[in-house]
Amino acid sequence: MESDSKPMARKLNTREKQMLLLGAVSAVVVFALTYGSKGYDSWSQARATLAGAKRKLSEVETDKNRQAALATMVPVIEIPQVEDKQKFLFRDKLYEQLKAAGIKAEPLQFLPLRKPRGIPYKVVKIKCKGKCKFDQLLEFMANLKENPYLVGVEELRIQCDTKEPPEKRKDKEIEIDLTVSTFVK
């Protein structure tokens, strides 16, 4: 008859238990010191970055003059309307701006509608031909950002009489071809 001789688990004495506990604690301490310092450094850096961002935000919030200046730099944009409505809103506002700048414009022409890829809106372009002085054109271009329907200036062509010397051309009229665009639903 064979005997089932299984090794018997031996009990650890007190000294061995203390050594095992000391080894486990040492392993935890080494792990914490090795990887914990990196985590603490990134945590400290994140806190410093957050404090800097809060400081900058409080500076912007408290400086009312700066906020007012920023608000004037940002153009006002209206949400695009349906095609029939937006086309005429844009055309009327553009005509007002041309008239305010003193530009003698021919009737504005709508160019064919197009749908660019990746944009949920269609683009309507208006072509304008006219005559004006150069300073009137500059005034018009500076005030064009006030048009809430404007998306962009697609083309601007300026034509003047090059036969005269530049000194005499200063107050002469120039011809312009301007194409601007807006979005429609």
N, C-alpha and C. Protein backbone atom coordinates (compact mmCIF):
# COMPACT_ATOMS: atom_id res chain seq x y z
N MET A 1 0.81 -1.15 0.00
CA MET A 1 0.00 0.00 0.00
C MET A 1 0.87 1.25 0.00
N GLU A 2 0.57 2.12 -0.92
CA GLU A 2 1.34 3.34 -1.02
C GLU A 2 0.81 4.38 -0.06
N SER A 3 1.70 5.11 0.45
CA SER A 3 1.25 6.13 1.38
C SER A 3 1.19 7.47 0.65
N ASP A 4 0.19 8.18 0.92
CA ASP A 4 0.04 9.52 0.36
C ASP A 4 0.88 10.48 1.19
N SER A 5 2.04 10.71 0.69
CA SER A 5 2.89 11.60 1.47
C SER A 5 2.90 12.98 0.81
N LYS A 6 2.10 13.80 1.32
CA LYS A 6 2.04 15.19 0.87
C LYS A 6 2.89 16.01 1.81
N PRO A 7 3.63 16.91 1.25
CA PRO A 7 4.40 17.74 2.16
C PRO A 7 3.46 18.57 3.02
N MET A 8 3.74 18.61 4.19
CA MET A 8 2.93 19.31 5.14
C MET A 8 3.33 20.78 5.15
N ALA A 9 2.36 21.66 5.11
CA ALA A 9 2.65 23.08 5.15
C ALA A 9 3.16 23.43 6.54
N ARG A 10 4.25 24.08 6.52
CA ARG A 10 4.84 24.41 7.79
C ARG A 10 4.37 25.80 8.20
N LYS A 11 4.17 25.99 9.43
CA LYS A 11 3.73 27.28 9.94
C LYS A 11 4.94 28.18 10.11
N LEU A 12 4.73 29.44 9.83
CA LEU A 12 5.80 30.42 9.97
C LEU A 12 5.89 30.87 11.42
N ASN A 13 7.12 30.97 11.85
CA ASN A 13 7.26 31.46 13.22
C ASN A 13 7.15 32.98 13.23
N THR A 14 7.20 33.61 14.33
CA THR A 14 6.99 35.04 14.48
C THR A 14 8.06 35.84 13.75
N ARG A 15 9.28 35.44 13.85
CA ARG A 15 10.37 36.14 13.20
C ARG A 15 10.20 36.11 11.68
N GLU A 16 9.81 34.99 11.11
CA GLU A 16 9.60 34.87 9.66
C GLU A 16 8.43 35.74 9.21
N LYS A 17 7.39 35.81 10.02
CA LYS A 17 6.23 36.66 9.70
C LYS A 17 6.65 38.13 9.66
N GLN A 18 7.51 38.53 10.62
CA GLN A 18 7.99 39.90 10.65
C GLN A 18 8.84 40.21 9.42
N MET A 19 9.68 39.30 9.03
CA MET A 19 10.53 39.49 7.85
C MET A 19 9.68 39.61 6.57
N LEU A 20 8.67 38.78 6.45
CA LEU A 20 7.77 38.83 5.29
C LEU A 20 7.02 40.15 5.25
N LEU A 21 6.54 40.62 6.37
CA LEU A 21 5.82 41.88 6.47
C LEU A 21 6.76 43.04 6.13
N LEU A 22 7.99 43.02 6.65
CA LEU A 22 8.97 44.06 6.36
C LEU A 22 9.32 44.08 4.86
N GLY A 23 9.44 42.95 4.22
CA GLY A 23 9.71 42.87 2.78
C GLY A 23 8.57 43.46 1.96
N ALA A 24 7.32 43.14 2.35
CA ALA A 24 6.16 43.67 1.62
C ALA A 24 6.08 45.19 1.77
N VAL A 25 6.29 45.68 2.97
CA VAL A 25 6.25 47.13 3.20
C VAL A 25 7.37 47.80 2.42
N SER A 26 8.56 47.21 2.39
CA SER A 26 9.69 47.78 1.64
C SER A 26 9.37 47.84 0.15
N ALA A 27 8.73 46.80 -0.39
CA ALA A 27 8.37 46.78 -1.81
C ALA A 27 7.38 47.90 -2.12
N VAL A 28 6.41 48.11 -1.24
CA VAL A 28 5.41 49.17 -1.44
C VAL A 28 6.09 50.54 -1.38
N VAL A 29 7.02 50.73 -0.43
CA VAL A 29 7.72 52.01 -0.30
C VAL A 29 8.58 52.28 -1.53
N VAL A 30 9.29 51.29 -2.01
CA VAL A 30 10.13 51.46 -3.21
C VAL A 30 9.25 51.81 -4.42
N PHE A 31 8.13 51.12 -4.59
CA PHE A 31 7.20 51.39 -5.69
C PHE A 31 6.65 52.81 -5.59
N ALA A 32 6.25 53.23 -4.37
CA ALA A 32 5.68 54.56 -4.17
C ALA A 32 6.72 55.64 -4.46
N LEU A 33 7.95 55.45 -4.02
CA LEU A 33 8.99 56.45 -4.27
C LEU A 33 9.37 56.53 -5.74
N THR A 34 9.39 55.38 -6.41
CA THR A 34 9.78 55.35 -7.82
C THR A 34 8.71 56.00 -8.70
N TYR A 35 7.47 55.59 -8.57
CA TYR A 35 6.41 56.04 -9.46
C TYR A 35 5.59 57.17 -8.87
N GLY A 36 5.58 57.32 -7.57
CA GLY A 36 4.79 58.37 -6.92
C GLY A 36 5.36 59.75 -7.14
N SER A 37 6.66 59.88 -7.24
CA SER A 37 7.26 61.20 -7.43
C SER A 37 6.91 61.76 -8.82
N LYS A 38 6.84 60.89 -9.81
CA LYS A 38 6.45 61.33 -11.16
C LYS A 38 5.01 61.81 -11.16
N GLY A 39 4.15 61.10 -10.50
CA GLY A 39 2.74 61.49 -10.41
C GLY A 39 2.58 62.80 -9.65
N TYR A 40 3.36 62.97 -8.60
CA TYR A 40 3.29 64.20 -7.81
C TYR A 40 3.78 65.38 -8.64
N ASP A 41 4.85 65.16 -9.42
CA ASP A 41 5.37 66.24 -10.27
C ASP A 41 4.33 66.67 -11.30
N SER A 42 3.68 65.72 -11.95
CA SER A 42 2.67 66.07 -12.96
C SER A 42 1.46 66.73 -12.29
N TRP A 43 1.12 66.31 -11.11
CA TRP A 43 0.02 66.91 -10.37
C TRP A 43 0.36 68.36 -10.01
N SER A 44 1.58 68.59 -9.56
CA SER A 44 2.02 69.95 -9.21
C SER A 44 2.02 70.84 -10.44
N GLN A 45 2.47 70.30 -11.56
CA GLN A 45 2.50 71.07 -12.81
C GLN A 45 1.08 71.41 -13.27
N ALA A 46 0.16 70.47 -13.16
CA ALA A 46 -1.23 70.72 -13.54
C ALA A 46 -1.84 71.81 -12.66
N ARG A 47 -1.54 71.77 -11.37
CA ARG A 47 -2.07 72.79 -10.45
C ARG A 47 -1.50 74.16 -10.79
N ALA A 48 -0.21 74.24 -11.13
CA ALA A 48 0.41 75.51 -11.49
C ALA A 48 -0.18 76.06 -12.79
N THR A 49 -0.42 75.20 -13.76
CA THR A 49 -1.02 75.61 -15.03
C THR A 49 -2.43 76.13 -14.80
N LEU A 50 -3.20 75.44 -13.98
CA LEU A 50 -4.56 75.87 -13.66
C LEU A 50 -4.55 77.21 -12.96
N ALA A 51 -3.65 77.42 -12.03
CA ALA A 51 -3.56 78.69 -11.31
C ALA A 51 -3.22 79.83 -12.28
N GLY A 52 -2.32 79.57 -13.23
CA GLY A 52 -1.97 80.58 -14.24
C GLY A 52 -3.14 80.92 -15.13
N ALA A 53 -3.89 79.92 -15.54
CA ALA A 53 -5.06 80.15 -16.39
C ALA A 53 -6.13 80.95 -15.64
N LYS A 54 -6.33 80.63 -14.37
CA LYS A 54 -7.31 81.38 -13.56
C LYS A 54 -6.87 82.84 -13.40
N ARG A 55 -5.58 83.05 -13.23
CA ARG A 55 -5.05 84.41 -13.09
C ARG A 55 -5.29 85.21 -14.37
N LYS A 56 -5.01 84.61 -15.52
CA LYS A 56 -5.24 85.29 -16.81
C LYS A 56 -6.72 85.60 -17.01
N LEU A 57 -7.58 84.65 -16.67
CA LEU A 57 -9.02 84.85 -16.81
C LEU A 57 -9.50 85.99 -15.93
N SER A 58 -9.00 86.07 -14.72
CA SER A 58 -9.43 87.15 -13.84
C SER A 58 -8.96 88.51 -14.36
N GLU A 59 -7.78 88.55 -15.01
CA GLU A 59 -7.30 89.79 -15.61
C GLU A 59 -8.22 90.25 -16.73
N VAL A 60 -8.64 89.32 -17.57
CA VAL A 60 -9.52 89.67 -18.69
C VAL A 60 -10.89 90.08 -18.18
N GLU A 61 -11.40 89.38 -17.18
CA GLU A 61 -12.72 89.70 -16.66
C GLU A 61 -12.76 91.06 -15.98
N THR A 62 -11.68 91.46 -15.34
CA THR A 62 -11.69 92.73 -14.60
C THR A 62 -11.39 93.93 -15.49
N ASP A 63 -10.74 93.73 -16.61
CA ASP A 63 -10.39 94.85 -17.48
C ASP A 63 -11.53 95.11 -18.47
N LYS A 64 -12.45 96.00 -18.10
CA LYS A 64 -13.64 96.28 -18.92
C LYS A 64 -13.26 96.96 -20.24
N ASN A 65 -12.26 97.82 -20.24
CA ASN A 65 -11.85 98.49 -21.48
C ASN A 65 -11.32 97.47 -22.48
N ARG A 66 -10.58 96.51 -21.98
CA ARG A 66 -10.04 95.47 -22.86
C ARG A 66 -11.16 94.63 -23.45
N GLN A 67 -12.17 94.31 -22.63
CA GLN A 67 -13.31 93.54 -23.13
C GLN A 67 -14.05 94.31 -24.21
N ALA A 68 -14.24 95.59 -24.00
CA ALA A 68 -14.93 96.41 -24.99
C ALA A 68 -14.14 96.46 -26.29
N ALA A 69 -12.81 96.57 -26.20
CA ALA A 69 -11.97 96.60 -27.40
C ALA A 69 -12.04 95.27 -28.14
N LEU A 70 -12.03 94.17 -27.40
CA LEU A 70 -12.14 92.85 -28.04
C LEU A 70 -13.49 92.68 -28.73
N ALA A 71 -14.54 93.19 -28.12
CA ALA A 71 -15.88 93.06 -28.70
C ALA A 71 -15.99 93.82 -30.01
N THR A 72 -15.29 94.94 -30.14
CA THR A 72 -15.36 95.69 -31.39
C THR A 72 -14.56 95.02 -32.51
N MET A 73 -13.57 94.20 -32.15
CA MET A 73 -12.76 93.53 -33.16
C MET A 73 -13.47 92.33 -33.78
N VAL A 74 -14.37 91.73 -33.04
CA VAL A 74 -15.04 90.52 -33.51
C VAL A 74 -16.22 90.92 -34.39
N PRO A 75 -16.27 90.45 -35.63
CA PRO A 75 -17.38 90.82 -36.49
C PRO A 75 -18.69 90.18 -36.02
N VAL A 76 -19.77 90.89 -36.26
CA VAL A 76 -21.10 90.38 -35.92
C VAL A 76 -21.58 89.53 -37.08
N ILE A 77 -22.00 88.31 -36.78
CA ILE A 77 -22.43 87.40 -37.84
C ILE A 77 -23.83 86.90 -37.52
N GLU A 78 -24.68 86.95 -38.53
CA GLU A 78 -26.04 86.43 -38.40
C GLU A 78 -26.06 84.98 -38.87
N ILE A 79 -26.91 84.19 -38.28
CA ILE A 79 -27.08 82.79 -38.71
C ILE A 79 -27.72 82.80 -40.10
N PRO A 80 -27.20 82.01 -41.03
CA PRO A 80 -27.76 82.01 -42.39
C PRO A 80 -29.24 81.64 -42.42
N GLN A 81 -29.97 82.36 -43.26
CA GLN A 81 -31.41 82.13 -43.45
C GLN A 81 -31.60 81.28 -44.71
N VAL A 82 -32.86 81.03 -45.03
CA VAL A 82 -33.16 80.31 -46.28
C VAL A 82 -32.72 81.19 -47.45
N GLU A 83 -32.46 80.57 -48.56
CA GLU A 83 -31.85 81.24 -49.70
C GLU A 83 -32.58 82.51 -50.13
N ASP A 84 -33.90 82.44 -50.31
CA ASP A 84 -34.64 83.60 -50.81
C ASP A 84 -34.54 84.80 -49.87
N LYS A 85 -34.53 84.56 -48.59
CA LYS A 85 -34.46 85.64 -47.61
C LYS A 85 -33.02 86.18 -47.47
N GLN A 86 -32.06 85.28 -47.34
CA GLN A 86 -30.67 85.67 -47.10
C GLN A 86 -30.09 86.45 -48.26
N LYS A 87 -30.38 86.05 -49.49
CA LYS A 87 -29.84 86.73 -50.66
C LYS A 87 -30.19 88.21 -50.63
N PHE A 88 -31.43 88.52 -50.32
CA PHE A 88 -31.88 89.89 -50.38
C PHE A 88 -31.46 90.69 -49.16
N LEU A 89 -31.36 90.05 -48.01
CA LEU A 89 -30.82 90.73 -46.82
C LEU A 89 -29.37 91.14 -47.07
N PHE A 90 -28.61 90.23 -47.62
CA PHE A 90 -27.20 90.49 -47.91
C PHE A 90 -27.05 91.57 -48.97
N ARG A 91 -27.82 91.48 -50.03
CA ARG A 91 -27.74 92.46 -51.12
C ARG A 91 -28.10 93.86 -50.62
N ASP A 92 -29.17 93.97 -49.82
CA ASP A 92 -29.60 95.27 -49.33
C ASP A 92 -28.55 95.90 -48.41
N LYS A 93 -27.98 95.10 -47.52
CA LYS A 93 -26.96 95.61 -46.61
C LYS A 93 -25.71 96.03 -47.39
N LEU A 94 -25.32 95.24 -48.37
CA LEU A 94 -24.16 95.57 -49.20
C LEU A 94 -24.40 96.87 -49.97
N TYR A 95 -25.59 97.03 -50.52
CA TYR A 95 -25.93 98.24 -51.27
C TYR A 95 -25.88 99.47 -50.34
N GLU A 96 -26.37 99.31 -49.11
CA GLU A 96 -26.30 100.40 -48.12
C GLU A 96 -24.86 100.81 -47.88
N GLN A 97 -24.00 99.83 -47.71
CA GLN A 97 -22.59 100.11 -47.43
C GLN A 97 -21.91 100.78 -48.62
N LEU A 98 -22.23 100.34 -49.82
CA LEU A 98 -21.67 100.97 -51.02
C LEU A 98 -22.11 102.43 -51.10
N LYS A 99 -23.37 102.67 -50.84
CA LYS A 99 -23.93 104.01 -50.90
C LYS A 99 -23.31 104.90 -49.82
N ALA A 100 -23.15 104.37 -48.60
CA ALA A 100 -22.57 105.14 -47.50
C ALA A 100 -21.12 105.52 -47.80
N ALA A 101 -20.40 104.69 -48.52
CA ALA A 101 -19.00 104.97 -48.86
C ALA A 101 -18.89 105.89 -50.07
N GLY A 102 -20.00 106.14 -50.76
CA GLY A 102 -19.98 107.01 -51.92
C GLY A 102 -19.55 106.33 -53.20
N ILE A 103 -19.70 105.01 -53.26
CA ILE A 103 -19.31 104.26 -54.45
C ILE A 103 -20.50 104.19 -55.40
N LYS A 104 -20.26 104.63 -56.66
CA LYS A 104 -21.31 104.57 -57.67
C LYS A 104 -21.28 103.17 -58.28
N ALA A 105 -22.24 102.34 -57.89
CA ALA A 105 -22.23 100.93 -58.31
C ALA A 105 -23.31 100.67 -59.35
N GLU A 106 -22.97 99.78 -60.27
CA GLU A 106 -23.98 99.27 -61.20
C GLU A 106 -24.86 98.30 -60.41
N PRO A 107 -25.99 97.88 -60.99
CA PRO A 107 -26.83 96.91 -60.26
C PRO A 107 -26.04 95.66 -59.87
N LEU A 108 -26.27 95.19 -58.66
CA LEU A 108 -25.54 94.03 -58.14
C LEU A 108 -26.06 92.76 -58.82
N GLN A 109 -25.16 91.85 -59.13
CA GLN A 109 -25.52 90.61 -59.82
C GLN A 109 -25.27 89.41 -58.91
N PHE A 110 -26.26 88.52 -58.86
CA PHE A 110 -26.07 87.25 -58.13
C PHE A 110 -25.37 86.27 -59.06
N LEU A 111 -24.35 85.61 -58.56
CA LEU A 111 -23.66 84.58 -59.32
C LEU A 111 -24.29 83.23 -58.97
N PRO A 112 -24.05 82.20 -59.79
CA PRO A 112 -24.66 80.89 -59.51
C PRO A 112 -24.32 80.36 -58.12
N LEU A 113 -25.30 79.71 -57.52
CA LEU A 113 -25.17 79.14 -56.19
C LEU A 113 -24.24 77.93 -56.25
N ARG A 114 -23.43 77.74 -55.22
CA ARG A 114 -22.58 76.54 -55.18
C ARG A 114 -22.58 75.97 -53.77
N LYS A 115 -22.31 74.67 -53.68
CA LYS A 115 -22.31 73.95 -52.39
C LYS A 115 -20.93 73.37 -52.18
N PRO A 116 -20.11 74.00 -51.30
CA PRO A 116 -18.78 73.44 -51.04
C PRO A 116 -18.86 72.18 -50.19
N ARG A 117 -17.87 71.30 -50.36
CA ARG A 117 -17.85 70.07 -49.57
C ARG A 117 -17.47 70.37 -48.13
N GLY A 118 -18.08 69.64 -47.22
CA GLY A 118 -17.73 69.76 -45.81
C GLY A 118 -18.42 70.90 -45.08
N ILE A 119 -19.24 71.67 -45.76
CA ILE A 119 -19.95 72.79 -45.12
C ILE A 119 -21.45 72.55 -45.31
N PRO A 120 -22.25 72.69 -44.25
CA PRO A 120 -23.67 72.41 -44.37
C PRO A 120 -24.47 73.51 -45.08
N TYR A 121 -23.81 74.56 -45.52
CA TYR A 121 -24.51 75.67 -46.18
C TYR A 121 -24.07 75.81 -47.63
N LYS A 122 -24.91 76.49 -48.42
CA LYS A 122 -24.56 76.83 -49.79
C LYS A 122 -23.96 78.23 -49.77
N VAL A 123 -23.21 78.57 -50.81
CA VAL A 123 -22.56 79.88 -50.90
C VAL A 123 -23.19 80.68 -52.03
N VAL A 124 -23.62 81.90 -51.69
CA VAL A 124 -24.15 82.83 -52.68
C VAL A 124 -23.13 83.93 -52.85
N LYS A 125 -22.81 84.23 -54.09
CA LYS A 125 -21.86 85.31 -54.39
C LYS A 125 -22.58 86.44 -55.10
N ILE A 126 -22.17 87.67 -54.77
CA ILE A 126 -22.71 88.86 -55.43
C ILE A 126 -21.53 89.59 -56.07
N LYS A 127 -21.71 89.94 -57.34
CA LYS A 127 -20.67 90.66 -58.08
C LYS A 127 -21.11 92.11 -58.20
N CYS A 128 -20.17 92.99 -57.97
CA CYS A 128 -20.45 94.42 -57.99
C CYS A 128 -19.40 95.12 -58.83
N LYS A 129 -19.85 96.00 -59.70
CA LYS A 129 -18.94 96.84 -60.49
C LYS A 129 -19.29 98.28 -60.18
N GLY A 130 -18.26 99.12 -60.07
CA GLY A 130 -18.54 100.51 -59.77
C GLY A 130 -17.33 101.39 -59.96
N LYS A 131 -17.56 102.69 -59.67
CA LYS A 131 -16.50 103.68 -59.76
C LYS A 131 -16.47 104.47 -58.46
N CYS A 132 -15.25 104.78 -58.05
CA CYS A 132 -15.09 105.56 -56.83
C CYS A 132 -13.66 106.06 -56.74
N LYS A 133 -13.39 106.87 -55.72
CA LYS A 133 -12.02 107.28 -55.44
C LYS A 133 -11.40 106.22 -54.55
N PHE A 134 -10.08 106.18 -54.53
CA PHE A 134 -9.38 105.14 -53.78
C PHE A 134 -9.68 105.22 -52.28
N ASP A 135 -9.77 106.43 -51.73
CA ASP A 135 -10.06 106.55 -50.30
C ASP A 135 -11.48 106.08 -49.97
N GLN A 136 -12.40 106.23 -50.91
CA GLN A 136 -13.76 105.71 -50.70
C GLN A 136 -13.75 104.19 -50.66
N LEU A 137 -12.94 103.57 -51.53
CA LEU A 137 -12.82 102.12 -51.53
C LEU A 137 -12.23 101.63 -50.21
N LEU A 138 -11.21 102.32 -49.72
CA LEU A 138 -10.60 101.93 -48.44
C LEU A 138 -11.60 102.05 -47.30
N GLU A 139 -12.40 103.10 -47.29
CA GLU A 139 -13.42 103.26 -46.26
C GLU A 139 -14.46 102.14 -46.34
N PHE A 140 -14.86 101.82 -47.55
CA PHE A 140 -15.83 100.73 -47.75
C PHE A 140 -15.28 99.40 -47.25
N MET A 141 -14.03 99.10 -47.62
CA MET A 141 -13.42 97.82 -47.21
C MET A 141 -13.26 97.76 -45.68
N ALA A 142 -12.94 98.88 -45.06
CA ALA A 142 -12.79 98.90 -43.60
C ALA A 142 -14.13 98.66 -42.91
N ASN A 143 -15.21 99.16 -43.49
CA ASN A 143 -16.54 99.02 -42.87
C ASN A 143 -17.27 97.76 -43.31
N LEU A 144 -16.71 97.02 -44.24
CA LEU A 144 -17.36 95.82 -44.75
C LEU A 144 -17.57 94.76 -43.68
N LYS A 145 -16.69 94.73 -42.68
CA LYS A 145 -16.83 93.74 -41.61
C LYS A 145 -18.08 93.94 -40.77
N GLU A 146 -18.71 95.10 -40.89
CA GLU A 146 -19.94 95.38 -40.14
C GLU A 146 -21.16 94.72 -40.78
N ASN A 147 -21.01 94.19 -41.97
CA ASN A 147 -22.11 93.50 -42.64
C ASN A 147 -22.28 92.13 -41.99
N PRO A 148 -23.41 91.90 -41.29
CA PRO A 148 -23.58 90.64 -40.55
C PRO A 148 -23.80 89.42 -41.43
N TYR A 149 -23.99 89.62 -42.71
CA TYR A 149 -24.25 88.51 -43.62
C TYR A 149 -23.02 88.13 -44.43
N LEU A 150 -21.98 88.94 -44.38
CA LEU A 150 -20.77 88.73 -45.16
C LEU A 150 -19.98 87.53 -44.65
N VAL A 151 -19.57 86.67 -45.58
CA VAL A 151 -18.68 85.57 -45.24
C VAL A 151 -17.26 85.91 -45.69
N GLY A 152 -17.13 86.47 -46.88
CA GLY A 152 -15.79 86.81 -47.34
C GLY A 152 -15.79 87.61 -48.62
N VAL A 153 -14.66 88.24 -48.88
CA VAL A 153 -14.43 88.93 -50.14
C VAL A 153 -13.73 87.93 -51.05
N GLU A 154 -14.40 87.53 -52.08
CA GLU A 154 -13.87 86.50 -52.99
C GLU A 154 -12.88 87.09 -54.00
N GLU A 155 -13.20 88.31 -54.48
CA GLU A 155 -12.34 88.91 -55.50
C GLU A 155 -12.48 90.43 -55.42
N LEU A 156 -11.37 91.12 -55.60
CA LEU A 156 -11.37 92.58 -55.67
C LEU A 156 -10.36 92.96 -56.74
N ARG A 157 -10.86 93.60 -57.78
CA ARG A 157 -10.02 94.05 -58.88
C ARG A 157 -10.13 95.56 -58.97
N ILE A 158 -9.00 96.23 -58.98
CA ILE A 158 -8.96 97.69 -59.06
C ILE A 158 -8.29 98.07 -60.37
N GLN A 159 -8.92 99.00 -61.10
CA GLN A 159 -8.36 99.41 -62.38
C GLN A 159 -8.32 100.94 -62.41
N CYS A 160 -7.15 101.48 -62.75
CA CYS A 160 -7.03 102.93 -62.86
C CYS A 160 -6.29 103.29 -64.13
N ASP A 161 -6.31 104.55 -64.47
CA ASP A 161 -5.64 105.02 -65.67
C ASP A 161 -4.15 105.13 -65.39
N THR A 162 -3.38 104.27 -66.02
CA THR A 162 -1.93 104.24 -65.75
C THR A 162 -1.15 105.18 -66.65
N LYS A 163 -1.82 105.87 -67.54
CA LYS A 163 -1.11 106.78 -68.46
C LYS A 163 -0.73 108.08 -67.75
N GLU A 164 -1.50 108.44 -66.74
CA GLU A 164 -1.19 109.67 -66.01
C GLU A 164 -0.18 109.38 -64.91
N PRO A 165 0.61 110.38 -64.54
CA PRO A 165 1.56 110.16 -63.44
C PRO A 165 0.81 109.96 -62.11
N PRO A 166 1.43 109.26 -61.16
CA PRO A 166 0.76 108.96 -59.88
C PRO A 166 0.26 110.20 -59.13
N GLU A 167 0.94 111.33 -59.26
CA GLU A 167 0.50 112.53 -58.56
C GLU A 167 -0.86 113.00 -59.05
N LYS A 168 -1.11 112.85 -60.34
CA LYS A 168 -2.38 113.30 -60.91
C LYS A 168 -3.49 112.27 -60.72
N ARG A 169 -3.11 111.01 -60.50
CA ARG A 169 -4.11 109.93 -60.32
C ARG A 169 -4.73 109.95 -58.93
N LYS A 170 -4.15 110.72 -58.03
CA LYS A 170 -4.55 110.67 -56.63
C LYS A 170 -6.05 110.87 -56.43
N ASP A 171 -6.63 111.86 -57.08
CA ASP A 171 -8.05 112.16 -56.88
C ASP A 171 -8.93 111.69 -58.04
N LYS A 172 -8.38 110.89 -58.91
CA LYS A 172 -9.16 110.36 -60.04
C LYS A 172 -9.98 109.16 -59.60
N GLU A 173 -11.03 108.90 -60.35
CA GLU A 173 -11.86 107.73 -60.04
C GLU A 173 -11.20 106.46 -60.56
N ILE A 174 -11.44 105.40 -59.82
CA ILE A 174 -10.96 104.09 -60.23
C ILE A 174 -12.16 103.20 -60.47
N GLU A 175 -11.95 102.17 -61.24
CA GLU A 175 -13.01 101.19 -61.47
C GLU A 175 -12.73 99.97 -60.60
N ILE A 176 -13.80 99.44 -60.00
CA ILE A 176 -13.62 98.25 -59.16
C ILE A 176 -14.55 97.14 -59.62
N ASP A 177 -14.07 95.93 -59.49
CA ASP A 177 -14.88 94.71 -59.64
C ASP A 177 -14.73 93.98 -58.32
N LEU A 178 -15.84 93.79 -57.65
CA LEU A 178 -15.84 93.19 -56.31
C LEU A 178 -16.80 92.00 -56.29
N THR A 179 -16.35 90.90 -55.74
CA THR A 179 -17.21 89.73 -55.53
C THR A 179 -17.15 89.36 -54.05
N VAL A 180 -18.34 89.33 -53.43
CA VAL A 180 -18.43 88.98 -52.00
C VAL A 180 -19.38 87.80 -51.87
N SER A 181 -19.30 87.09 -50.72
CA SER A 181 -20.12 85.89 -50.56
C SER A 181 -20.78 85.84 -49.19
N THR A 182 -21.84 85.03 -49.13
CA THR A 182 -22.56 84.77 -47.90
C THR A 182 -23.03 83.31 -47.92
N PHE A 183 -23.40 82.80 -46.75
CA PHE A 183 -23.94 81.45 -46.65
C PHE A 183 -25.46 81.52 -46.65
N VAL A 184 -26.10 80.48 -47.21
CA VAL A 184 -27.55 80.33 -47.17
C VAL A 184 -27.87 78.89 -46.82
N LYS A 185 -29.06 78.69 -46.25
CA LYS A 185 -29.48 77.32 -45.93
C LYS A 185 -29.94 76.61 -47.16
